[in-house]
Amino acid sequence: MKRPQKNQNTALPALARALAPLQQTLAGLQPRERRAVTLALWVVGLGLLWWIAIAPAWSTLSQAPARQARLDAQLSQMRGMAASAQALRGTNAQPPSRDTVLRALDQATGELGASGQISVLGERATLTLNNATPEALAQWLQQVRINARLVPVEAKLNRPASGAPAWSGTLMVSGPGLSGGASR
């Protein structure tokens, strides 16, 4: 059984009808004017082709290496965090003792120098910061999270009005290792 075929030439007469006025106008022009109009139409057509099809693709292609590097860095960071989480899961499920947590807090806070002071009350530890650099605070948070298994529960941090890269304020951490025991 034969399928009825669509006439593929139906679009051509419609296009010819649409272009008929343009062809009549071009036919009425002098050869020199006809070449100039044809050249102008080609320039406009090529400009539209560049603007709509080629330039966006070119832009995407030129930005691809930088975007790929940025995504690779993010992937590497995420893999590092996943490995850290896996390592924490792999350690015994028993939380560290209060003494271990206090030693880890003291060690991490000691690396802050004069810009940080820790106080522990019950199940929470409060870090008081005075112009601590963001890098030092990030390092402190990482050490406390890994070594003492404490996480931030409240933060009241301010940057100086000068806009210097430093933090002042308080950061409260808590975790299972601080339960029980006396305050200090």
Protein backbone atom coordinates (compact mmCIF):
# COMPACT_ATOMS: atom_id res chain seq x y z
CA MET A 1 0.00 0.00 0.00
CA LYS A 2 1.38 3.35 -1.00
CA ARG A 3 1.28 6.27 1.33
CA PRO A 4 0.17 9.53 -0.14
CA GLN A 5 3.24 11.72 -0.43
CA LYS A 6 3.11 15.32 0.57
CA ASN A 7 4.03 17.65 -2.18
CA GLN A 8 7.40 19.01 -1.16
CA ASN A 9 7.14 21.69 -3.78
CA THR A 10 4.21 23.47 -2.06
CA ALA A 11 6.60 25.65 -0.08
CA LEU A 12 8.41 26.79 -3.21
CA PRO A 13 5.40 28.46 -4.92
CA ALA A 14 4.53 30.22 -1.65
CA LEU A 15 8.11 31.50 -1.36
CA ALA A 16 8.08 32.54 -5.01
CA ARG A 17 4.83 34.44 -4.46
CA ALA A 18 6.29 36.18 -1.43
CA LEU A 19 9.46 37.15 -3.29
CA ALA A 20 7.68 38.19 -6.51
CA PRO A 21 7.37 41.89 -5.56
CA LEU A 22 11.07 41.98 -4.64
CA GLN A 23 12.01 40.35 -7.94
CA GLN A 24 9.87 42.84 -9.86
CA THR A 25 11.50 45.74 -8.04
CA LEU A 26 14.98 44.34 -8.71
CA ALA A 27 14.14 43.76 -12.37
CA GLY A 28 13.18 47.42 -12.72
CA LEU A 29 16.56 48.61 -11.41
CA GLN A 30 19.66 49.29 -13.41
CA PRO A 31 22.28 46.47 -13.28
CA ARG A 32 24.56 48.54 -11.08
CA GLU A 33 21.74 49.31 -8.61
CA ARG A 34 20.65 45.65 -8.71
CA ARG A 35 24.17 44.55 -7.73
CA ALA A 36 24.27 47.12 -4.91
CA VAL A 37 20.89 46.00 -3.52
CA THR A 38 21.87 42.35 -3.84
CA LEU A 39 25.16 43.03 -2.07
CA ALA A 40 23.34 44.94 0.70
CA LEU A 41 20.89 42.05 1.17
CA TRP A 42 23.80 39.60 1.38
CA VAL A 43 25.54 41.79 3.97
CA VAL A 44 22.35 42.05 6.05
CA GLY A 45 21.73 38.30 5.71
CA LEU A 46 25.26 37.39 6.73
CA GLY A 47 25.06 39.86 9.62
CA LEU A 48 21.85 38.23 10.85
CA LEU A 49 23.38 34.79 10.46
CA TRP A 50 26.38 35.88 12.56
CA TRP A 51 24.23 37.58 15.19
CA ILE A 52 21.68 34.76 15.55
CA ALA A 53 23.64 31.58 14.90
CA ILE A 54 27.40 31.96 14.98
CA ALA A 55 28.17 34.59 17.67
CA PRO A 56 26.28 32.83 20.53
CA ALA A 57 27.92 29.52 19.70
CA TRP A 58 31.35 31.18 19.43
CA SER A 59 30.83 32.87 22.80
CA THR A 60 29.82 29.59 24.44
CA LEU A 61 32.81 27.84 22.93
CA SER A 62 35.24 30.54 24.09
CA GLN A 63 33.84 30.49 27.65
CA ALA A 64 33.91 26.69 27.89
CA PRO A 65 37.50 26.27 29.22
CA ALA A 66 37.00 28.74 32.08
CA ARG A 67 33.64 27.24 32.95
CA GLN A 68 35.10 23.73 32.81
CA ALA A 69 37.93 24.75 35.15
CA ARG A 70 35.45 26.31 37.57
CA LEU A 71 33.27 23.19 37.52
CA ASP A 72 36.32 20.95 37.98
CA ALA A 73 37.32 22.99 41.05
CA GLN A 74 33.80 22.65 42.46
CA LEU A 75 33.83 18.91 41.78
CA SER A 76 37.20 18.56 43.49
CA GLN A 77 35.93 20.49 46.51
CA MET A 78 32.80 18.36 46.68
CA ARG A 79 34.84 15.16 46.43
CA GLY A 80 37.04 16.40 49.28
CA MET A 81 33.99 17.11 51.42
CA ALA A 82 32.55 13.69 50.54
CA ALA A 83 35.82 12.02 51.55
CA SER A 84 35.81 13.98 54.80
CA ALA A 85 32.23 12.94 55.51
CA GLN A 86 33.05 9.34 54.67
CA ALA A 87 36.06 9.45 57.01
CA LEU A 88 33.89 10.83 59.79
CA ARG A 89 31.32 8.10 59.17
CA GLY A 90 34.09 5.51 59.19
CA THR A 91 35.31 6.48 62.64
CA ASN A 92 33.62 4.83 65.55
CA ALA A 93 30.05 5.95 66.13
CA GLN A 94 30.90 6.82 69.72
CA PRO A 95 31.22 10.59 70.17
CA PRO A 96 34.51 11.85 71.56
CA SER A 97 34.79 12.31 75.32
CA ARG A 98 34.29 15.73 76.85
CA ASP A 99 38.02 15.96 77.66
CA THR A 100 38.92 15.18 74.03
CA VAL A 101 36.47 17.83 72.82
CA LEU A 102 37.86 20.43 75.25
CA ARG A 103 41.44 19.67 74.17
CA ALA A 104 40.46 19.99 70.50
CA LEU A 105 38.70 23.31 71.23
CA ASP A 106 41.74 24.64 73.10
CA GLN A 107 44.11 23.57 70.35
CA ALA A 108 41.99 25.10 67.58
CA THR A 109 41.45 28.32 69.55
CA GLY A 110 45.15 28.56 70.37
CA GLU A 111 45.85 28.76 66.63
CA LEU A 112 43.60 31.84 66.45
CA GLY A 113 45.98 33.66 68.80
CA ALA A 114 44.71 36.87 70.38
CA SER A 115 41.80 37.11 67.95
CA GLY A 116 39.83 34.26 69.56
CA GLN A 117 38.80 33.18 73.03
CA ILE A 118 36.70 30.11 73.91
CA SER A 119 34.35 29.57 76.82
CA VAL A 120 32.40 26.38 77.47
CA LEU A 121 29.16 26.35 79.40
CA GLY A 122 27.21 23.11 79.57
CA GLU A 123 26.60 21.61 76.15
CA ARG A 124 27.71 24.70 74.21
CA ALA A 125 31.01 26.37 73.54
CA THR A 126 31.18 30.06 72.61
CA LEU A 127 34.03 31.47 70.57
CA THR A 128 34.51 35.21 70.96
CA LEU A 129 36.27 36.73 67.97
CA ASN A 130 38.09 40.02 67.74
CA ASN A 131 39.23 40.89 64.18
CA ALA A 132 39.85 37.29 63.14
CA THR A 133 40.67 36.71 59.49
CA PRO A 134 38.15 34.71 57.44
CA GLU A 135 40.81 32.09 56.69
CA ALA A 136 41.59 31.62 60.39
CA LEU A 137 37.88 31.30 61.22
CA ALA A 138 37.37 28.76 58.42
CA GLN A 139 40.34 26.75 59.67
CA TRP A 140 39.00 26.86 63.23
CA LEU A 141 35.55 25.69 62.10
CA GLN A 142 37.06 22.83 60.13
CA GLN A 143 39.25 21.67 63.02
CA VAL A 144 36.38 21.85 65.50
CA ARG A 145 34.03 20.01 63.15
CA ILE A 146 36.50 17.20 62.45
CA ASN A 147 38.41 16.85 65.73
CA ALA A 148 35.70 17.74 68.26
CA ARG A 149 32.65 16.88 66.11
CA LEU A 150 31.02 20.18 66.95
CA VAL A 151 28.88 22.23 64.61
CA PRO A 152 27.86 25.90 64.70
CA VAL A 153 24.43 26.49 66.18
CA GLU A 154 24.47 30.28 66.42
CA ALA A 155 26.61 33.04 64.98
CA LYS A 156 26.64 36.78 65.60
CA LEU A 157 29.48 38.06 63.49
CA ASN A 158 30.25 41.55 62.27
CA ARG A 159 32.77 43.01 59.86
CA PRO A 160 34.51 46.24 60.79
CA ALA A 161 33.18 49.43 59.20
CA SER A 162 36.50 49.85 57.42
CA GLY A 163 35.63 46.83 55.28
CA ALA A 164 38.81 45.00 56.32
CA PRO A 165 38.62 41.23 55.85
CA ALA A 166 38.12 40.38 59.53
CA TRP A 167 35.31 39.13 61.75
CA SER A 168 34.34 40.10 65.28
CA GLY A 169 31.52 38.69 67.40
CA THR A 170 30.52 35.34 68.81
CA LEU A 171 30.11 31.87 67.38
CA MET A 172 28.38 29.14 69.37
CA VAL A 173 29.07 25.46 68.68
CA SER A 174 27.53 22.35 70.11
CA GLY A 175 27.74 18.60 69.74
CA PRO A 176 27.41 15.28 71.50
CA GLY A 177 30.90 15.43 73.00
CA LEU A 178 30.00 18.41 75.19
CA SER A 179 27.09 16.71 76.95
CA GLY A 180 27.66 16.09 80.59
CA GLY A 181 30.53 17.38 82.72
CA ALA A 182 31.20 20.66 84.46
CA SER A 183 31.46 24.08 82.87
CA ARG A 184 34.69 25.97 82.58
